[in-house]
Amino acid sequence: MLILANLVNEAALFAAGAGVRLVGMQQFELAKDKIMMGAERRSMVMSETEKRNTAYPRGRARDCRPSHAGA
């Protein structure tokens, strides 16, 4: 019951924030996502350098050949 109350409350907050008088499915979807996945974190935007450093393993490549243990 508390989960439903929390969902309705979050949807109402989204509607009020958007200046909408009635709560609709869009607000309920946003509220569901917020409850299930947590609040949106906009500060987690990565710079191009961070993206590049994350994408390339800086010379520590792994050997991806299958091992033949026991052979």
C-alpha atoms as a PDB file:
ATOM      1  CA  MET A   1       0.000   0.000   0.000  1.00  0.00           C
ATOM      2  CA  LEU A   2       2.874   2.361   0.783  1.00  0.00           C
ATOM      3  CA  ILE A   3       4.400   1.754  -2.639  1.00  0.00           C
ATOM      4  CA  LEU A   4       1.166   2.823  -4.326  1.00  0.00           C
ATOM      5  CA  ALA A   5       0.949   5.924  -2.131  1.00  0.00           C
ATOM      6  CA  ASN A   6       4.553   6.776  -2.973  1.00  0.00           C
ATOM      7  CA  LEU A   7       3.845   6.298  -6.696  1.00  0.00           C
ATOM      8  CA  VAL A   8       0.817   8.611  -6.599  1.00  0.00           C
ATOM      9  CA  ASN A   9       2.740  11.211  -4.590  1.00  0.00           C
ATOM     10  CA  GLU A  10       5.689  11.190  -7.003  1.00  0.00           C
ATOM     11  CA  ALA A  11       3.332  11.452  -9.987  1.00  0.00           C
ATOM     12  CA  ALA A  12       1.616  14.432  -8.371  1.00  0.00           C
ATOM     13  CA  LEU A  13       5.003  16.077  -7.820  1.00  0.00           C
ATOM     14  CA  PHE A  14       5.898  15.575 -11.490  1.00  0.00           C
ATOM     15  CA  ALA A  15       2.560  17.059 -12.542  1.00  0.00           C
ATOM     16  CA  ALA A  16       2.967  20.056 -10.244  1.00  0.00           C
ATOM     17  CA  GLY A  17       6.515  20.608 -11.482  1.00  0.00           C
ATOM     18  CA  ALA A  18       5.272  20.637 -15.066  1.00  0.00           C
ATOM     19  CA  GLY A  19       2.424  23.002 -14.210  1.00  0.00           C
ATOM     20  CA  VAL A  20      -0.185  20.388 -15.087  1.00  0.00           C
ATOM     21  CA  ARG A  21      -3.408  20.385 -13.095  1.00  0.00           C
ATOM     22  CA  LEU A  22      -4.293  16.710 -13.653  1.00  0.00           C
ATOM     23  CA  VAL A  23      -1.975  13.734 -13.177  1.00  0.00           C
ATOM     24  CA  GLY A  24      -1.716  11.598 -16.301  1.00  0.00           C
ATOM     25  CA  MET A  25      -0.007   8.434 -17.428  1.00  0.00           C
ATOM     26  CA  GLN A  26       3.143  10.340 -18.363  1.00  0.00           C
ATOM     27  CA  GLN A  27       3.588  11.489 -14.768  1.00  0.00           C
ATOM     28  CA  PHE A  28       2.907   7.973 -13.470  1.00  0.00           C
ATOM     29  CA  GLU A  29       5.524   6.552 -15.858  1.00  0.00           C
ATOM     30  CA  LEU A  30       8.083   9.115 -14.676  1.00  0.00           C
ATOM     31  CA  ALA A  31       7.204   8.368 -11.054  1.00  0.00           C
ATOM     32  CA  LYS A  32       7.530   4.613 -11.617  1.00  0.00           C
ATOM     33  CA  ASP A  33      10.945   5.084 -13.210  1.00  0.00           C
ATOM     34  CA  LYS A  34      12.100   7.318 -10.356  1.00  0.00           C
ATOM     35  CA  ILE A  35      10.948   4.850  -7.700  1.00  0.00           C
ATOM     36  CA  MET A  36      12.399   1.811  -9.454  1.00  0.00           C
ATOM     37  CA  MET A  37      15.698   3.303 -10.671  1.00  0.00           C
ATOM     38  CA  GLY A  38      16.251   6.242  -8.346  1.00  0.00           C
ATOM     39  CA  ALA A  39      16.377   9.948  -9.026  1.00  0.00           C
ATOM     40  CA  GLU A  40      17.845  11.118 -12.314  1.00  0.00           C
ATOM     41  CA  ARG A  41      21.463  12.188 -11.857  1.00  0.00           C
ATOM     42  CA  ARG A  42      22.288  14.839 -14.418  1.00  0.00           C
ATOM     43  CA  SER A  43      25.740  15.498 -12.961  1.00  0.00           C
ATOM     44  CA  MET A  44      26.964  12.139 -14.256  1.00  0.00           C
ATOM     45  CA  VAL A  45      27.586  13.462 -17.772  1.00  0.00           C
ATOM     46  CA  MET A  46      30.998  12.287 -18.924  1.00  0.00           C
ATOM     47  CA  SER A  47      33.436  14.496 -20.786  1.00  0.00           C
ATOM     48  CA  GLU A  48      34.941  13.282 -24.071  1.00  0.00           C
ATOM     49  CA  THR A  49      38.229  12.497 -22.278  1.00  0.00           C
ATOM     50  CA  GLU A  50      36.423  10.400 -19.652  1.00  0.00           C
ATOM     51  CA  LYS A  51      34.540   8.527 -22.379  1.00  0.00           C
ATOM     52  CA  ARG A  52      37.779   7.819 -24.236  1.00  0.00           C
ATOM     53  CA  ASN A  53      39.566   6.645 -21.084  1.00  0.00           C
ATOM     54  CA  THR A  54      36.668   4.357 -20.233  1.00  0.00           C
ATOM     55  CA  ALA A  55      36.438   2.903 -23.729  1.00  0.00           C
ATOM     56  CA  TYR A  56      40.132   1.992 -24.088  1.00  0.00           C
ATOM     57  CA  PRO A  57      41.803  -0.197 -21.456  1.00  0.00           C
ATOM     58  CA  ARG A  58      45.103   1.748 -21.412  1.00  0.00           C
ATOM     59  CA  GLY A  59      47.352  -1.033 -22.592  1.00  0.00           C
ATOM     60  CA  ARG A  60      46.088  -3.746 -20.273  1.00  0.00           C
ATOM     61  CA  ALA A  61      44.431  -5.849 -22.938  1.00  0.00           C
ATOM     62  CA  ARG A  62      43.183  -9.250 -21.907  1.00  0.00           C
ATOM     63  CA  ASP A  63      43.958 -12.453 -23.739  1.00  0.00           C
ATOM     64  CA  CYS A  64      40.567 -13.524 -25.048  1.00  0.00           C
ATOM     65  CA  ARG A  65      41.637 -16.830 -26.545  1.00  0.00           C
ATOM     66  CA  PRO A  66      39.837 -19.858 -25.117  1.00  0.00           C
ATOM     67  CA  SER A  67      41.857 -21.716 -22.525  1.00  0.00           C
ATOM     68  CA  HIS A  68      42.296 -25.448 -22.920  1.00  0.00           C
ATOM     69  CA  ALA A  69      42.383 -26.431 -19.268  1.00  0.00           C
ATOM     70  CA  GLY A  70      42.900 -30.116 -18.716  1.00  0.00           C
ATOM     71  CA  ALA A  71      44.138 -30.728 -22.248  1.00  0.00           C
END
